[in-house]
Amino acid sequence: MNFAQFPRVFLGHLNTPLEPLDNLSEALGGPTIWMKRDDCTGMSTGGNKTRKLEFLYGEAVKQGADIVLTQGATQSNHARQTAAFAAKLGLDCHILLEDRTKKTDDDYTRSGNVLLDKLHGASVEYHELTADMNAEMEKVADRMRAEGRNPYTIPGGGSNPTGALGYANCALELVSEFNDLDMQVDHIVHATGSAGTQAGLIAGLKAMNVNIPLLGIGVRAPKDKQEENVYKLACATAEKLGCPGVVKREDVVANCDYVGEGYGFPAESTIEAIKMLAELEGILMDPVYSGKGMAGLIDLIRKGHFKESDNIVFVHTGGSAALFAYRNDFQYN
């Protein structure tokens, strides 16, 4: 895989650490759990979007964009990091935020990622729940073009073939780390939402003929829809990399049993997972993505889904800034 052929801005703190979670592994009495610390990628508290945005902004700069647009839920981690990249690169940023939860408390609507969007200088507009926010964003971009601007639009989550290159590259990084540690890895697990992280990882792994099972823990869509979204994007990403056909449908696996009430609503298992990681490892998860992913991993271990001798790598996708928008869900005095 030749990533040098694609335009890229190098702003991430890479490679991110790969570290054992000894206390959590002992508490669960199961396999050895490792964590790929993509919450430490830099750019406004870090997260998985840094890897995607390096390639997306590389393309934006090459095209001479003077403003970058994106869209997401009210507490979008992706929006926050998109705004941070724009600030660093001296570009304007405009964000469309979609109300997916109907939450109206100040913590949710003004704190967390929303506060950071504005601190980074982005302009923000708000939308009710709609079927196609990317289409709404393109309408805004068309108006800007009519005004003489040169906008570059990024889909929700940065999840298109260009953005997914970031996680195809992460697959290469992971395999290199496994080799350096002389470590046999039996499973890779992470939270999957807009599909770009899982699609990039599976495209990268398969392009290298690395057959480590990859499991995405869904945070929003039903299993069939989530897997189909990931598969389509993984195929497009592999084609962009010059290795079409390396991803098969059976390579894409999602478990969507831990969504709870819906996107943006942490389940009881999500809160438990966040507290366990904070209390046992000093690591912050988020209530929308990584917390649900970890909740799935913990439950599957408890159910005996993995062998006690397995090495499992959990990819932490970041998002801890959103915790401040969910203060009431933790019920601390």
Protein backbone atom coordinates (compact mmCIF):
# COMPACT_ATOMS: atom_id res chain seq x y z
CA MET A 1 0.00 0.00 0.00
CA ASN A 2 1.49 3.30 -1.12
CA PHE A 3 0.02 6.06 1.03
CA ALA A 4 2.53 8.62 -0.23
CA GLN A 5 0.53 8.91 -3.46
CA PHE A 6 -2.29 10.67 -1.58
CA PRO A 7 -2.16 14.30 -0.41
CA ARG A 8 -1.93 14.53 3.37
CA VAL A 9 -1.30 17.01 6.14
CA PHE A 10 0.77 15.59 8.99
CA LEU A 11 -0.81 16.93 12.18
CA GLY A 12 -1.46 13.77 14.21
CA HIS A 13 0.61 12.50 17.13
CA LEU A 14 1.44 9.20 15.49
CA ASN A 15 2.23 6.40 16.12
CA THR A 16 -0.20 6.16 19.03
CA PRO A 17 0.67 3.94 22.00
CA LEU A 18 -0.32 0.30 22.18
CA GLU A 19 -0.54 -0.64 25.85
CA PRO A 20 -1.78 -3.55 27.96
CA LEU A 21 -4.82 -3.08 30.21
CA ASP A 22 -3.56 -5.31 33.00
CA ASN A 23 -6.06 -4.23 35.65
CA LEU A 24 -9.08 -4.64 33.40
CA SER A 25 -7.84 -8.01 32.14
CA GLU A 26 -7.42 -9.21 35.72
CA ALA A 27 -10.82 -7.89 36.80
CA LEU A 28 -12.54 -9.76 33.98
CA GLY A 29 -10.50 -12.92 34.49
CA GLY A 30 -10.42 -13.46 30.78
CA PRO A 31 -8.13 -12.77 27.82
CA THR A 32 -5.31 -10.22 27.79
CA ILE A 33 -6.68 -6.85 26.64
CA TRP A 34 -4.53 -4.30 24.87
CA MET A 35 -5.56 -0.79 23.88
CA LYS A 36 -4.54 1.13 20.78
CA ARG A 37 -4.63 4.66 22.15
CA ASP A 38 -6.19 6.58 19.28
CA ASP A 39 -7.61 8.89 21.91
CA CYS A 40 -4.05 10.27 21.92
CA THR A 41 -3.81 11.37 18.28
CA GLY A 42 -3.70 15.07 19.10
CA MET A 43 -5.80 17.88 17.60
CA SER A 44 -8.37 19.03 20.17
CA THR A 45 -8.12 16.18 22.70
CA GLY A 46 -7.53 13.54 20.03
CA GLY A 47 -9.65 10.76 18.59
CA ASN A 48 -9.99 8.59 15.51
CA LYS A 49 -10.93 11.48 13.21
CA THR A 50 -7.36 12.80 13.23
CA ARG A 51 -6.21 9.93 11.01
CA LYS A 52 -9.06 10.51 8.56
CA LEU A 53 -8.73 14.28 8.54
CA GLU A 54 -5.03 14.16 7.65
CA PHE A 55 -6.02 12.76 4.25
CA LEU A 56 -9.24 14.77 3.89
CA TYR A 57 -7.52 18.07 4.61
CA GLY A 58 -4.66 17.05 2.37
CA GLU A 59 -7.19 16.86 -0.43
CA ALA A 60 -8.87 20.12 0.64
CA VAL A 61 -5.57 22.02 0.60
CA LYS A 62 -4.62 20.55 -2.77
CA GLN A 63 -7.96 21.73 -4.18
CA GLY A 64 -7.39 25.25 -2.84
CA ALA A 65 -10.37 25.23 -0.47
CA ASP A 66 -10.93 28.36 1.60
CA ILE A 67 -13.64 26.87 3.82
CA VAL A 68 -14.37 23.33 5.00
CA LEU A 69 -17.88 22.10 5.75
CA THR A 70 -18.96 19.03 7.65
CA GLN A 71 -21.97 17.70 9.51
CA GLY A 72 -22.74 15.52 12.51
CA ALA A 73 -24.82 15.07 15.63
CA THR A 74 -24.91 17.83 18.24
CA GLN A 75 -22.06 16.30 20.24
CA SER A 76 -20.07 15.22 17.18
CA ASN A 77 -16.44 14.36 17.91
CA HIS A 78 -15.78 14.58 14.18
CA ALA A 79 -17.07 18.16 14.00
CA ARG A 80 -14.80 19.20 16.87
CA GLN A 81 -11.69 17.79 15.23
CA THR A 82 -12.66 19.15 11.81
CA ALA A 83 -12.84 22.61 13.38
CA ALA A 84 -9.45 22.12 15.03
CA PHE A 85 -7.79 21.14 11.74
CA ALA A 86 -9.26 24.19 10.04
CA ALA A 87 -7.93 26.44 12.79
CA LYS A 88 -4.44 24.95 12.51
CA LEU A 89 -4.39 25.29 8.71
CA GLY A 90 -5.86 28.80 8.60
CA LEU A 91 -9.10 27.78 6.87
CA ASP A 92 -12.67 28.73 7.71
CA CYS A 93 -14.95 25.98 9.00
CA HIS A 94 -18.73 25.69 8.96
CA ILE A 95 -20.55 22.89 10.78
CA LEU A 96 -24.12 21.61 10.45
CA LEU A 97 -25.24 19.96 13.69
CA GLU A 98 -28.20 17.57 13.64
CA ASP A 99 -30.47 17.03 16.65
CA ARG A 100 -30.58 13.22 16.91
CA THR A 101 -31.50 12.96 20.59
CA LYS A 102 -33.95 15.79 21.42
CA LYS A 103 -31.85 16.56 24.49
CA THR A 104 -32.35 20.19 25.55
CA ASP A 105 -30.27 20.59 28.72
CA ASP A 106 -27.42 23.08 28.67
CA ASP A 107 -24.77 20.44 29.27
CA TYR A 108 -25.70 18.73 26.01
CA THR A 109 -26.46 21.72 23.82
CA ARG A 110 -23.68 24.08 24.93
CA SER A 111 -20.89 22.10 26.63
CA GLY A 112 -18.60 19.29 25.49
CA ASN A 113 -17.91 19.23 21.78
CA VAL A 114 -20.25 22.13 21.01
CA LEU A 115 -18.16 24.44 23.18
CA LEU A 116 -14.97 23.24 21.50
CA ASP A 117 -16.41 23.69 17.98
CA LYS A 118 -16.88 27.36 18.77
CA LEU A 119 -13.58 27.75 20.60
CA HIS A 120 -11.84 26.61 17.42
CA GLY A 121 -13.64 29.39 15.52
CA ALA A 122 -16.13 27.34 13.52
CA SER A 123 -19.50 28.75 12.56
CA VAL A 124 -22.38 26.44 13.48
CA GLU A 125 -25.94 25.98 12.25
CA TYR A 126 -28.52 23.64 13.77
CA HIS A 127 -30.87 21.20 12.04
CA GLU A 128 -33.69 18.95 13.12
CA LEU A 129 -33.32 15.22 12.46
CA THR A 130 -33.26 14.68 8.71
CA ALA A 131 -32.84 11.76 6.34
CA ASP A 132 -29.80 13.15 4.52
CA MET A 133 -27.57 15.63 6.29
CA ASN A 134 -24.89 15.29 3.62
CA ALA A 135 -27.42 16.59 1.08
CA GLU A 136 -28.25 19.52 3.40
CA MET A 137 -24.54 20.27 3.64
CA GLU A 138 -24.16 20.28 -0.14
CA LYS A 139 -26.97 22.85 -0.40
CA VAL A 140 -25.02 25.14 1.90
CA ALA A 141 -21.84 24.50 -0.11
CA ASP A 142 -23.66 25.41 -3.33
CA ARG A 143 -24.74 28.73 -1.80
CA MET A 144 -21.16 29.41 -0.82
CA ARG A 145 -19.92 28.63 -4.32
CA ALA A 146 -22.46 31.10 -5.69
CA GLU A 147 -20.94 33.68 -3.34
CA GLY A 148 -17.45 33.03 -4.71
CA ARG A 149 -16.15 30.70 -1.99
CA ASN A 150 -14.32 27.42 -2.65
CA PRO A 151 -15.78 24.99 -0.10
CA TYR A 152 -14.58 21.46 0.55
CA THR A 153 -17.23 19.17 2.04
CA ILE A 154 -16.52 16.29 4.40
CA PRO A 155 -19.27 13.71 5.04
CA GLY A 156 -20.34 12.80 8.55
CA GLY A 157 -17.55 11.04 10.44
CA GLY A 158 -15.12 11.75 7.62
CA SER A 159 -16.28 8.40 6.29
CA ASN A 160 -15.56 8.23 2.58
CA PRO A 161 -12.70 6.43 0.77
CA THR A 162 -10.34 9.36 1.31
CA GLY A 163 -11.01 9.49 5.06
CA ALA A 164 -10.88 5.70 5.41
CA LEU A 165 -7.29 5.79 4.13
CA GLY A 166 -6.40 6.95 7.64
CA TYR A 167 -7.44 3.62 9.09
CA ALA A 168 -6.00 1.55 6.29
CA ASN A 169 -2.75 3.24 7.28
CA CYS A 170 -3.51 2.48 10.93
CA ALA A 171 -3.77 -1.21 10.04
CA LEU A 172 -0.21 -1.00 8.73
CA GLU A 173 0.85 0.72 11.95
CA LEU A 174 -0.81 -1.94 14.08
CA VAL A 175 0.75 -4.87 12.25
CA SER A 176 4.18 -3.25 12.54
CA GLU A 177 3.66 -2.86 16.31
CA PHE A 178 2.52 -6.47 16.65
CA ASN A 179 5.65 -7.61 14.84
CA ASP A 180 7.93 -5.42 16.95
CA LEU A 181 6.38 -6.87 20.12
CA ASP A 182 6.50 -10.41 18.70
CA MET A 183 2.83 -10.57 19.69
CA GLN A 184 0.18 -12.89 18.30
CA VAL A 185 -3.08 -10.93 18.18
CA ASP A 186 -6.29 -12.95 18.04
CA HIS A 187 -8.93 -10.20 17.73
CA ILE A 188 -9.22 -6.46 17.08
CA VAL A 189 -12.34 -4.75 18.48
CA HIS A 190 -13.60 -1.16 18.21
CA ALA A 191 -16.75 0.96 18.11
CA THR A 192 -18.26 1.36 14.64
CA GLY A 193 -20.63 4.13 13.58
CA SER A 194 -20.24 6.05 10.32
CA ALA A 195 -18.22 3.08 8.97
CA GLY A 196 -14.92 4.74 8.04
CA THR A 197 -12.80 3.34 10.87
CA GLN A 198 -13.90 -0.27 10.37
CA ALA A 199 -13.82 0.01 6.57
CA GLY A 200 -10.29 1.39 6.58
CA LEU A 201 -9.01 -1.18 9.06
CA ILE A 202 -10.44 -4.18 7.20
CA ALA A 203 -9.27 -2.86 3.82
CA GLY A 204 -5.77 -2.36 5.21
CA LEU A 205 -5.62 -5.72 6.96
CA LYS A 206 -6.83 -7.61 3.91
CA ALA A 207 -4.51 -5.71 1.57
CA MET A 208 -1.63 -7.04 3.70
CA ASN A 209 -3.16 -10.53 3.86
CA VAL A 210 -3.43 -10.23 7.64
CA ASN A 211 -6.26 -12.45 8.81
CA ILE A 212 -6.86 -11.11 12.31
CA PRO A 213 -10.65 -11.04 12.92
CA LEU A 214 -11.98 -7.50 13.21
CA LEU A 215 -15.16 -6.87 15.21
CA GLY A 216 -17.03 -3.58 15.15
CA ILE A 217 -19.38 -2.89 18.07
CA GLY A 218 -22.23 -0.86 16.56
CA VAL A 219 -23.41 2.40 18.11
CA ARG A 220 -26.38 3.25 15.91
CA ALA A 221 -27.54 1.13 12.96
CA PRO A 222 -28.90 -2.44 12.97
CA LYS A 223 -26.39 -5.19 12.21
CA ASP A 224 -27.31 -5.83 8.56
CA LYS A 225 -27.27 -2.13 7.67
CA GLN A 226 -24.06 -1.46 9.57
CA GLU A 227 -22.22 -4.35 7.92
CA GLU A 228 -23.43 -3.38 4.46
CA ASN A 229 -22.32 0.24 4.97
CA VAL A 230 -18.89 -0.89 6.12
CA TYR A 231 -18.53 -3.42 3.30
CA LYS A 232 -19.34 -0.90 0.56
CA LEU A 233 -16.90 1.64 1.96
CA ALA A 234 -14.19 -0.99 2.53
CA CYS A 235 -14.45 -2.10 -1.09
CA ALA A 236 -14.23 1.49 -2.31
CA THR A 237 -11.23 2.11 -0.04
CA ALA A 238 -9.44 -1.00 -1.26
CA GLU A 239 -10.01 0.10 -4.84
CA LYS A 240 -8.59 3.54 -4.05
CA LEU A 241 -5.52 1.79 -2.61
CA GLY A 242 -5.10 -0.17 -5.83
CA CYS A 243 -6.11 -3.57 -4.47
CA PRO A 244 -9.74 -4.08 -5.50
CA GLY A 245 -11.47 -7.26 -4.42
CA VAL A 246 -9.38 -8.00 -1.33
CA VAL A 247 -12.33 -7.47 1.03
CA LYS A 248 -15.02 -10.14 1.10
CA ARG A 249 -18.46 -9.72 2.60
CA GLU A 250 -17.72 -12.26 5.33
CA ASP A 251 -14.73 -10.17 6.47
CA VAL A 252 -17.07 -7.45 7.76
CA VAL A 253 -18.57 -8.30 11.14
CA ALA A 254 -20.54 -5.99 13.44
CA ASN A 255 -22.28 -6.71 16.73
CA CYS A 256 -25.06 -4.19 17.31
CA ASP A 257 -26.44 -5.58 20.57
CA TYR A 258 -25.09 -2.71 22.69
CA VAL A 259 -26.74 0.31 21.06
CA GLY A 260 -29.27 0.61 23.89
CA GLU A 261 -32.00 3.21 23.48
CA GLY A 262 -30.33 4.59 20.36
CA TYR A 263 -27.56 6.78 19.02
CA GLY A 264 -26.35 9.29 21.57
CA PHE A 265 -28.00 7.51 24.52
CA PRO A 266 -25.58 5.60 26.75
CA ALA A 267 -26.94 2.28 28.00
CA GLU A 268 -26.34 1.07 31.56
CA SER A 269 -23.58 -1.14 30.17
CA THR A 270 -21.98 1.95 28.58
CA ILE A 271 -21.87 3.79 31.91
CA GLU A 272 -20.47 0.69 33.64
CA ALA A 273 -17.72 0.36 31.01
CA ILE A 274 -16.77 4.03 31.27
CA LYS A 275 -16.54 3.79 35.06
CA MET A 276 -14.51 0.56 34.93
CA LEU A 277 -11.91 2.03 32.58
CA ALA A 278 -11.70 5.26 34.57
CA GLU A 279 -11.36 3.48 37.92
CA LEU A 280 -9.16 0.57 36.83
CA GLU A 281 -6.94 2.10 34.13
CA GLY A 282 -7.23 5.89 34.45
CA ILE A 283 -8.54 6.03 30.88
CA LEU A 284 -11.55 8.07 29.76
CA MET A 285 -14.03 6.57 27.27
CA ASP A 286 -16.90 8.44 25.67
CA PRO A 287 -20.65 7.83 26.11
CA VAL A 288 -21.55 7.59 22.41
CA TYR A 289 -18.83 5.52 20.70
CA SER A 290 -15.87 4.09 22.62
CA GLY A 291 -17.93 3.48 25.77
CA LYS A 292 -20.41 1.34 23.85
CA GLY A 293 -17.59 -0.46 22.10
CA MET A 294 -15.93 -1.28 25.40
CA ALA A 295 -19.26 -2.32 26.91
CA GLY A 296 -19.63 -4.84 24.10
CA LEU A 297 -16.13 -6.18 24.61
CA ILE A 298 -16.62 -6.55 28.38
CA ASP A 299 -19.93 -8.37 27.96
CA LEU A 300 -18.56 -10.71 25.29
CA ILE A 301 -15.65 -11.60 27.58
CA ARG A 302 -18.03 -12.31 30.43
CA LYS A 303 -20.06 -14.56 28.13
CA GLY A 304 -17.00 -16.58 27.16
CA HIS A 305 -16.93 -15.39 23.55
CA PHE A 306 -13.12 -15.22 23.63
CA LYS A 307 -10.52 -17.72 24.84
CA GLU A 308 -8.73 -16.95 28.09
CA SER A 309 -5.42 -17.19 26.22
CA ASP A 310 -6.41 -14.63 23.55
CA ASN A 311 -4.74 -11.30 22.98
CA ILE A 312 -7.40 -8.72 22.14
CA VAL A 313 -6.61 -5.22 20.89
CA PHE A 314 -9.29 -2.60 21.50
CA VAL A 315 -8.94 0.50 19.33
CA HIS A 316 -9.90 3.51 21.46
CA THR A 317 -11.55 5.99 19.09
CA GLY A 318 -11.50 8.88 21.57
CA GLY A 319 -14.35 11.28 22.31
CA SER A 320 -13.87 11.99 26.02
CA ALA A 321 -14.82 15.66 25.48
CA ALA A 322 -18.42 14.50 25.14
CA LEU A 323 -18.43 13.27 28.76
CA PHE A 324 -19.12 16.80 29.96
CA ALA A 325 -22.36 16.83 27.97
CA TYR A 326 -23.53 13.68 29.77
CA ARG A 327 -22.89 14.68 33.38
CA ASN A 328 -26.42 13.73 34.51
CA ASP A 329 -26.07 10.16 33.23
CA PHE A 330 -23.43 9.41 35.87
CA GLN A 331 -25.53 10.51 38.87
CA TYR A 332 -22.65 11.65 41.04
CA ASN A 333 -23.45 13.95 43.95
